[in-house]
Amino acid sequence: MREVRKRIGILTSGGDCPGLNAAIRAVVSHATLTYDWEVVGIPYATQGLLDRASVPLAIHGLDLRGLDPLLNMGGTILGSINHGDTLARADEIIAGYRELGLDALIAIGGDGSLKIIDRLAKHGNWQLIAIPKTIDNDVALTERAIGFDTAVNTITDALNRLACTASSHDRVMVVEVMGRSAGHLALQAGIAGGADIILIPEVNYSIREICQHINELRDRWKRKFALVMVAEGIHPASDPVSCGKESSPPTPGRGMGQYVTDQIINCNQRLVEVRVSVLGHIQRGGIPSALDRLIAAAFGKVAVDLIAEGQSRQMVAWQNGCVAVVALEDVLAQSPTSVDPQSYLVETARALGIYLGS
């Protein structure tokens, strides 16, 4: 008697990032070539399950004259959402999984979206395998998530460009990057891009110490410009400077980059010319780096193998240079992960003369 062909679904959830399509490509290739399974994409994550929507995915279905665009295409061909009260419609979503005839689901997401999907899988008795992705790199038990390396490279490139104009005009350039609760992105891109000051949510900072550092660069080292890296989730300074007027905290229309800019101007009594650049969603886009493509391929391959082994509610992770398998429950219990203020990267930054606060 012929074995029934397995039908697996794959979705991307939460914020987009480079490398998602490379992971989709790896899943489809391995599941089709090795196991002869049917693979369908679920558009817009759980919304697709609500709508009973699916997209057939085949190895060569998206080829263009023999070329494979998924390797270097940013974003996600399946679309993604990161809003809405998904759990309020849990029963409808679970019913959608069953009506689509899925035998298993591979979910690519960050800790927030994976937490929701894991609850749905537990309640609906789904076979679920998770693949971590986030430019914040704050998913626990994995050293890297898809998208992080490309985002670091994008910000590093922006710092390289901003250094040119900063040095030409003797300016302090404040660069705001993503990272609401964790400073991994700001820290690593700041070190790689030659920032003089890096402010992250995990470390308190002083405006006066920042200004002293900028002045020392000018007076002692004859550096007439400076690069200040600011994670969007940093807290207000321990010593805000009003300069004769009330120092207002950040508001929804005035982020931490502008706040730090205003504080530096106040502290230096407007003797220093300061400009702010908010990179915003530029950090999420672009062609995935080679490392993100490699990680995505390895994650996709192992995720398919885990389904073949009958495992569920597991997450693939990057540990010590290769793929490991960890319990999704343990990942979610420990996420999001923050920067350790005593870590080797923080110590490295300080050894290079970068101000990080205290």
Protein backbone atom coordinates (compact mmCIF):
# COMPACT_ATOMS: atom_id res chain seq x y z
CA MET A 1 0.00 0.00 0.00
CA ARG A 2 1.42 3.36 -1.03
CA GLU A 3 2.24 5.78 1.80
CA VAL A 4 0.15 8.95 1.88
CA ARG A 5 2.22 11.95 0.77
CA LYS A 6 2.94 14.34 3.64
CA ARG A 7 1.75 17.94 3.28
CA ILE A 8 3.64 20.56 5.27
CA GLY A 9 3.05 24.28 5.59
CA ILE A 10 5.53 27.10 6.07
CA LEU A 11 4.89 30.67 7.21
CA THR A 12 6.81 33.80 8.13
CA SER A 13 5.58 35.88 11.04
CA GLY A 14 6.55 39.15 12.73
CA GLY A 15 8.80 41.79 11.19
CA ASP A 16 10.48 40.95 7.89
CA CYS A 17 14.22 40.60 7.47
CA PRO A 18 16.74 39.40 4.87
CA GLY A 19 17.15 35.63 4.60
CA LEU A 20 13.52 34.55 4.99
CA ASN A 21 13.22 33.57 1.34
CA ALA A 22 16.47 31.62 1.53
CA ALA A 23 14.99 29.59 4.41
CA ILE A 24 11.77 28.99 2.45
CA ARG A 25 13.87 27.83 -0.50
CA ALA A 26 15.82 25.37 1.65
CA VAL A 27 12.66 23.89 3.17
CA VAL A 28 10.99 23.43 -0.21
CA SER A 29 14.10 21.94 -1.83
CA HIS A 30 14.87 19.44 0.93
CA ALA A 31 11.26 18.43 1.58
CA THR A 32 10.64 17.87 -2.13
CA LEU A 33 13.90 16.29 -3.24
CA THR A 34 14.61 14.14 -0.20
CA TYR A 35 11.16 13.22 1.09
CA ASP A 36 8.84 13.87 -1.88
CA TRP A 37 6.52 15.92 0.32
CA GLU A 38 4.10 18.60 -0.77
CA VAL A 39 4.96 22.06 0.59
CA VAL A 40 2.53 24.97 0.77
CA GLY A 41 3.15 28.50 1.90
CA ILE A 42 0.72 30.14 4.31
CA PRO A 43 0.39 33.80 3.29
CA TYR A 44 0.54 36.46 6.01
CA ALA A 45 1.18 34.01 8.82
CA THR A 46 -1.83 33.16 10.98
CA GLN A 47 -4.04 35.37 8.82
CA GLY A 48 -3.55 32.80 6.08
CA LEU A 49 -4.78 30.05 8.38
CA LEU A 50 -7.82 32.17 9.21
CA ASP A 51 -8.49 32.66 5.51
CA ARG A 52 -7.78 29.00 4.65
CA ALA A 53 -5.24 30.30 2.15
CA SER A 54 -2.21 28.46 0.83
CA VAL A 55 0.31 28.84 -2.00
CA PRO A 56 1.83 25.72 -3.63
CA LEU A 57 5.62 25.85 -3.43
CA ALA A 58 7.76 23.82 -5.82
CA ILE A 59 11.51 23.74 -6.39
CA HIS A 60 11.37 25.40 -9.79
CA GLY A 61 8.03 27.15 -9.47
CA LEU A 62 9.61 30.54 -8.82
CA ASP A 63 12.60 30.22 -11.14
CA LEU A 64 13.12 32.95 -13.70
CA ARG A 65 14.75 31.59 -16.87
CA GLY A 66 16.60 29.08 -14.72
CA LEU A 67 17.68 31.65 -12.12
CA ASP A 68 16.80 31.23 -8.46
CA PRO A 69 15.71 34.62 -7.07
CA LEU A 70 14.97 33.37 -3.54
CA LEU A 71 18.64 33.24 -2.60
CA ASN A 72 19.17 36.99 -2.83
CA MET A 73 15.65 38.39 -2.44
CA GLY A 74 14.99 40.35 0.74
CA GLY A 75 11.70 40.32 2.64
CA THR A 76 9.39 37.33 2.33
CA ILE A 77 7.40 36.07 -0.65
CA LEU A 78 4.74 34.81 1.77
CA GLY A 79 4.11 38.17 3.41
CA SER A 80 4.05 38.70 7.16
CA ILE A 81 2.07 40.42 9.90
CA ASN A 82 3.04 41.56 13.39
CA HIS A 83 -0.22 42.95 14.74
CA GLY A 84 -3.70 41.86 15.78
CA ASP A 85 -5.12 39.74 18.59
CA THR A 86 -4.36 36.32 17.14
CA LEU A 87 -5.18 34.31 20.25
CA ALA A 88 -8.70 35.75 20.35
CA ARG A 89 -9.39 33.72 17.19
CA ALA A 90 -7.39 30.65 18.17
CA ASP A 91 -10.17 28.15 17.45
CA GLU A 92 -10.67 29.53 13.92
CA ILE A 93 -6.92 29.39 13.23
CA ILE A 94 -6.67 25.82 14.49
CA ALA A 95 -9.62 24.86 12.31
CA GLY A 96 -7.87 26.49 9.35
CA TYR A 97 -4.78 24.33 9.90
CA ARG A 98 -6.94 21.22 9.77
CA GLU A 99 -9.01 22.33 6.77
CA LEU A 100 -5.82 22.99 4.81
CA GLY A 101 -4.85 19.38 5.41
CA LEU A 102 -1.50 20.16 7.00
CA ASP A 103 0.51 17.39 8.61
CA ALA A 104 3.12 19.76 10.04
CA LEU A 105 4.04 23.44 10.14
CA ILE A 106 7.38 25.25 9.98
CA ALA A 107 7.14 28.73 11.47
CA ILE A 108 9.85 31.32 10.91
CA GLY A 109 9.59 34.10 13.47
CA GLY A 110 10.96 36.02 16.42
CA ASP A 111 10.27 35.27 20.06
CA GLY A 112 6.98 37.21 20.12
CA SER A 113 5.34 35.55 17.13
CA LEU A 114 6.77 32.12 17.98
CA LYS A 115 5.25 32.35 21.45
CA ILE A 116 1.80 32.84 19.93
CA ILE A 117 2.22 30.08 17.33
CA ASP A 118 3.53 27.68 19.98
CA ARG A 119 0.37 28.22 22.05
CA LEU A 120 -1.74 27.51 18.98
CA ALA A 121 0.27 24.37 18.23
CA LYS A 122 -0.08 23.10 21.77
CA HIS A 123 -3.83 23.71 21.81
CA GLY A 124 -4.37 22.32 18.31
CA ASN A 125 -1.95 19.40 18.63
CA TRP A 126 0.06 20.54 15.61
CA GLN A 127 3.47 19.21 14.68
CA LEU A 128 5.46 22.44 14.82
CA ILE A 129 9.11 23.24 14.12
CA ALA A 130 10.40 26.79 14.62
CA ILE A 131 13.14 28.70 12.80
CA PRO A 132 14.39 31.88 14.54
CA LYS A 133 14.64 35.16 12.68
CA THR A 134 15.13 38.68 14.01
CA ILE A 135 17.47 41.57 13.35
CA ASP A 136 17.45 42.17 17.14
CA ASN A 137 19.14 38.76 17.69
CA ASP A 138 17.35 38.41 21.03
CA VAL A 139 15.91 34.89 20.65
CA ALA A 140 17.30 32.72 23.46
CA LEU A 141 19.51 29.62 23.03
CA THR A 142 20.74 30.58 19.58
CA GLU A 143 23.85 32.61 18.87
CA ARG A 144 22.39 33.94 15.64
CA ALA A 145 18.98 34.36 14.07
CA ILE A 146 18.23 34.85 10.38
CA GLY A 147 18.53 38.52 9.38
CA PHE A 148 20.89 39.73 12.09
CA ASP A 149 24.12 39.56 10.12
CA THR A 150 22.68 41.46 7.15
CA ALA A 151 21.28 44.17 9.44
CA VAL A 152 24.67 44.58 11.12
CA ASN A 153 26.28 44.94 7.68
CA THR A 154 23.66 47.50 6.59
CA ILE A 155 24.22 49.67 9.67
CA THR A 156 27.98 49.33 9.38
CA ASP A 157 27.76 50.59 5.80
CA ALA A 158 25.62 53.52 6.95
CA LEU A 159 28.22 54.43 9.60
CA ASN A 160 30.97 54.31 6.98
CA ARG A 161 29.02 56.77 4.85
CA LEU A 162 28.08 59.05 7.73
CA ALA A 163 31.70 59.19 8.91
CA CYS A 164 32.64 60.80 5.59
CA THR A 165 30.18 63.66 5.91
CA ALA A 166 30.78 64.01 9.66
CA SER A 167 34.53 64.44 9.15
CA SER A 168 34.00 66.85 6.27
CA HIS A 169 31.88 69.19 8.38
CA ASP A 170 33.33 68.57 11.88
CA ARG A 171 29.99 67.25 13.10
CA VAL A 172 28.73 64.81 15.68
CA MET A 173 26.48 62.31 13.94
CA VAL A 174 23.88 60.54 16.10
CA VAL A 175 22.57 57.35 14.48
CA GLU A 176 19.41 55.69 15.84
CA VAL A 177 18.95 51.99 15.13
CA MET A 178 16.41 49.37 16.11
CA GLY A 179 16.53 47.52 19.42
CA ARG A 180 13.63 48.23 21.79
CA SER A 181 14.73 45.92 24.58
CA ALA A 182 18.14 44.58 23.52
CA GLY A 183 21.26 46.30 22.23
CA HIS A 184 22.88 43.49 20.23
CA LEU A 185 22.39 45.29 16.91
CA ALA A 186 23.69 48.66 18.11
CA LEU A 187 26.64 47.09 19.93
CA GLN A 188 27.92 44.89 17.12
CA ALA A 189 27.29 47.38 14.30
CA GLY A 190 28.74 50.17 16.42
CA ILE A 191 31.99 48.30 17.00
CA ALA A 192 32.22 47.22 13.34
CA GLY A 193 31.38 50.71 12.05
CA GLY A 194 33.80 52.64 14.23
CA ALA A 195 31.33 54.39 16.54
CA ASP A 196 32.85 56.51 19.31
CA ILE A 197 29.85 56.17 21.60
CA ILE A 198 27.34 53.30 21.80
CA LEU A 199 24.19 53.58 23.91
CA ILE A 200 22.17 50.41 24.55
CA PRO A 201 19.15 49.66 26.80
CA GLU A 202 21.19 47.46 29.15
CA VAL A 203 23.68 50.14 30.26
CA ASN A 204 23.00 53.51 31.92
CA TYR A 205 24.72 56.56 30.49
CA SER A 206 25.53 60.15 31.37
CA ILE A 207 25.15 63.11 29.01
CA ARG A 208 28.03 64.90 30.66
CA GLU A 209 30.27 61.87 30.22
CA ILE A 210 29.25 61.68 26.56
CA CYS A 211 30.17 65.33 26.05
CA GLN A 212 33.45 64.85 27.91
CA HIS A 213 34.26 61.98 25.58
CA ILE A 214 33.44 64.08 22.50
CA ASN A 215 35.56 66.97 23.83
CA GLU A 216 38.46 64.62 24.56
CA LEU A 217 38.34 63.35 20.99
CA ARG A 218 38.65 66.95 19.80
CA ASP A 219 41.15 68.31 22.32
CA ARG A 220 43.42 65.33 22.90
CA TRP A 221 43.20 63.34 19.70
CA LYS A 222 42.36 66.19 17.27
CA ARG A 223 39.26 64.33 16.09
CA LYS A 224 36.78 67.02 15.10
CA PHE A 225 33.89 64.64 14.52
CA ALA A 226 32.22 61.75 16.34
CA LEU A 227 29.78 58.94 15.67
CA VAL A 228 27.17 58.19 18.33
CA MET A 229 25.21 54.93 18.03
CA VAL A 230 21.83 54.91 19.81
CA ALA A 231 19.53 51.91 20.20
CA GLU A 232 15.90 53.04 20.02
CA GLY A 233 15.08 51.41 23.37
CA ILE A 234 17.59 53.24 25.57
CA HIS A 235 16.29 54.99 28.67
CA PRO A 236 16.58 58.74 29.32
CA ALA A 237 19.95 59.85 30.62
CA SER A 238 20.83 59.69 34.31
CA ASP A 239 21.68 63.41 34.17
CA PRO A 240 19.53 65.21 31.57
CA VAL A 241 20.74 68.71 30.72
CA SER A 242 18.11 71.45 30.40
CA CYS A 243 20.32 74.40 29.38
CA GLY A 244 17.89 76.91 30.85
CA LYS A 245 14.74 75.09 29.80
CA GLU A 246 12.90 72.00 30.88
CA SER A 247 14.47 68.85 29.44
CA SER A 248 11.60 66.91 27.95
CA PRO A 249 11.67 63.10 27.64
CA PRO A 250 11.18 61.33 24.31
CA THR A 251 7.70 61.24 22.76
CA PRO A 252 6.26 59.04 19.96
CA GLY A 253 7.24 61.67 17.39
CA ARG A 254 10.63 62.37 18.94
CA GLY A 255 12.73 59.26 19.39
CA MET A 256 15.84 58.56 21.40
CA GLY A 257 18.16 59.63 18.61
CA GLN A 258 16.69 63.14 18.63
CA TYR A 259 16.61 63.13 22.44
CA VAL A 260 20.34 62.37 22.66
CA THR A 261 21.04 64.96 19.96
CA ASP A 262 19.19 67.66 21.91
CA GLN A 263 20.97 66.65 25.11
CA ILE A 264 24.43 66.90 23.52
CA ILE A 265 23.56 70.32 22.10
CA ASN A 266 22.34 71.52 25.51
CA CYS A 267 25.38 70.14 27.31
CA ASN A 268 27.82 71.84 24.94
CA GLN A 269 25.83 75.07 24.90
CA ARG A 270 25.39 74.69 21.14
CA LEU A 271 29.15 74.87 20.47
CA VAL A 272 29.03 71.45 18.80
CA GLU A 273 27.15 70.90 15.55
CA VAL A 274 25.07 67.73 15.85
CA ARG A 275 22.94 65.88 13.30
CA VAL A 276 20.70 62.84 13.75
CA SER A 277 19.95 60.01 11.32
CA VAL A 278 17.22 57.46 12.04
CA LEU A 279 17.84 54.39 9.90
CA GLY A 280 14.40 52.92 10.54
CA HIS A 281 13.18 50.19 8.22
CA ILE A 282 16.26 50.48 6.00
CA GLN A 283 17.78 48.04 8.50
CA ARG A 284 15.23 45.35 7.59
CA GLY A 285 15.70 45.43 3.83
CA GLY A 286 18.28 44.45 1.27
CA ILE A 287 19.99 41.38 -0.11
CA PRO A 288 20.83 38.82 2.61
CA SER A 289 24.49 38.39 3.44
CA ALA A 290 26.33 35.15 2.69
CA LEU A 291 26.21 34.20 6.39
CA ASP A 292 22.44 34.74 6.59
CA ARG A 293 21.98 32.60 3.46
CA LEU A 294 24.10 29.81 4.93
CA ILE A 295 22.29 29.89 8.26
CA ALA A 296 18.90 29.97 6.53
CA ALA A 297 19.84 26.96 4.39
CA ALA A 298 21.09 24.98 7.39
CA PHE A 299 18.02 25.87 9.47
CA GLY A 300 15.63 24.90 6.68
CA LYS A 301 17.33 21.55 6.09
CA VAL A 302 17.31 20.53 9.77
CA ALA A 303 13.73 21.75 10.28
CA VAL A 304 12.53 19.37 7.56
CA ASP A 305 14.53 16.48 9.05
CA LEU A 306 12.95 17.11 12.46
CA ILE A 307 9.49 16.76 10.92
CA ALA A 308 10.59 13.49 9.31
CA GLU A 309 11.71 12.28 12.74
CA GLY A 310 8.30 13.07 14.22
CA GLN A 311 9.57 15.79 16.53
CA SER A 312 7.46 18.79 17.46
CA ARG A 313 7.67 22.09 19.31
CA GLN A 314 11.41 22.23 18.73
CA MET A 315 13.49 25.13 17.41
CA VAL A 316 16.62 24.96 15.30
CA ALA A 317 19.44 27.09 16.71
CA TRP A 318 22.96 28.19 15.81
CA GLN A 319 25.46 27.09 18.44
CA ASN A 320 29.25 26.77 18.13
CA GLY A 321 29.19 27.12 14.38
CA CYS A 322 26.54 24.53 13.56
CA VAL A 323 22.84 23.78 13.92
CA ALA A 324 21.51 22.51 17.25
CA VAL A 325 17.98 21.56 18.30
CA VAL A 326 16.43 23.09 21.41
CA ALA A 327 13.02 22.85 23.03
CA LEU A 328 10.83 25.74 21.92
CA GLU A 329 9.37 25.93 25.42
CA ASP A 330 12.84 26.62 26.85
CA VAL A 331 13.55 29.24 24.20
CA LEU A 332 10.38 31.17 24.91
CA ALA A 333 10.90 31.00 28.68
CA GLN A 334 14.28 32.72 28.32
CA SER A 335 13.50 35.21 25.54
CA PRO A 336 14.15 37.98 24.78
CA THR A 337 17.83 37.91 25.69
CA SER A 338 19.66 41.13 26.55
CA VAL A 339 23.27 42.17 26.17
CA ASP A 340 25.35 41.15 29.18
CA PRO A 341 27.09 44.36 30.37
CA GLN A 342 30.08 42.19 31.32
CA SER A 343 30.27 40.36 27.97
CA TYR A 344 33.43 40.15 25.90
CA LEU A 345 31.94 42.44 23.23
CA VAL A 346 31.23 45.17 25.78
CA GLU A 347 34.75 44.77 27.15
CA THR A 348 36.13 44.85 23.62
CA ALA A 349 34.28 48.08 22.86
CA ARG A 350 35.63 49.76 26.00
CA ALA A 351 39.13 48.52 25.23
CA LEU A 352 38.84 50.30 21.87
CA GLY A 353 38.02 53.57 23.61
CA ILE A 354 34.29 53.49 22.91
CA TYR A 355 32.04 55.12 25.54
CA LEU A 356 29.24 52.78 26.63
CA GLY A 357 28.12 54.28 29.91
CA SER A 358 28.40 52.52 33.24
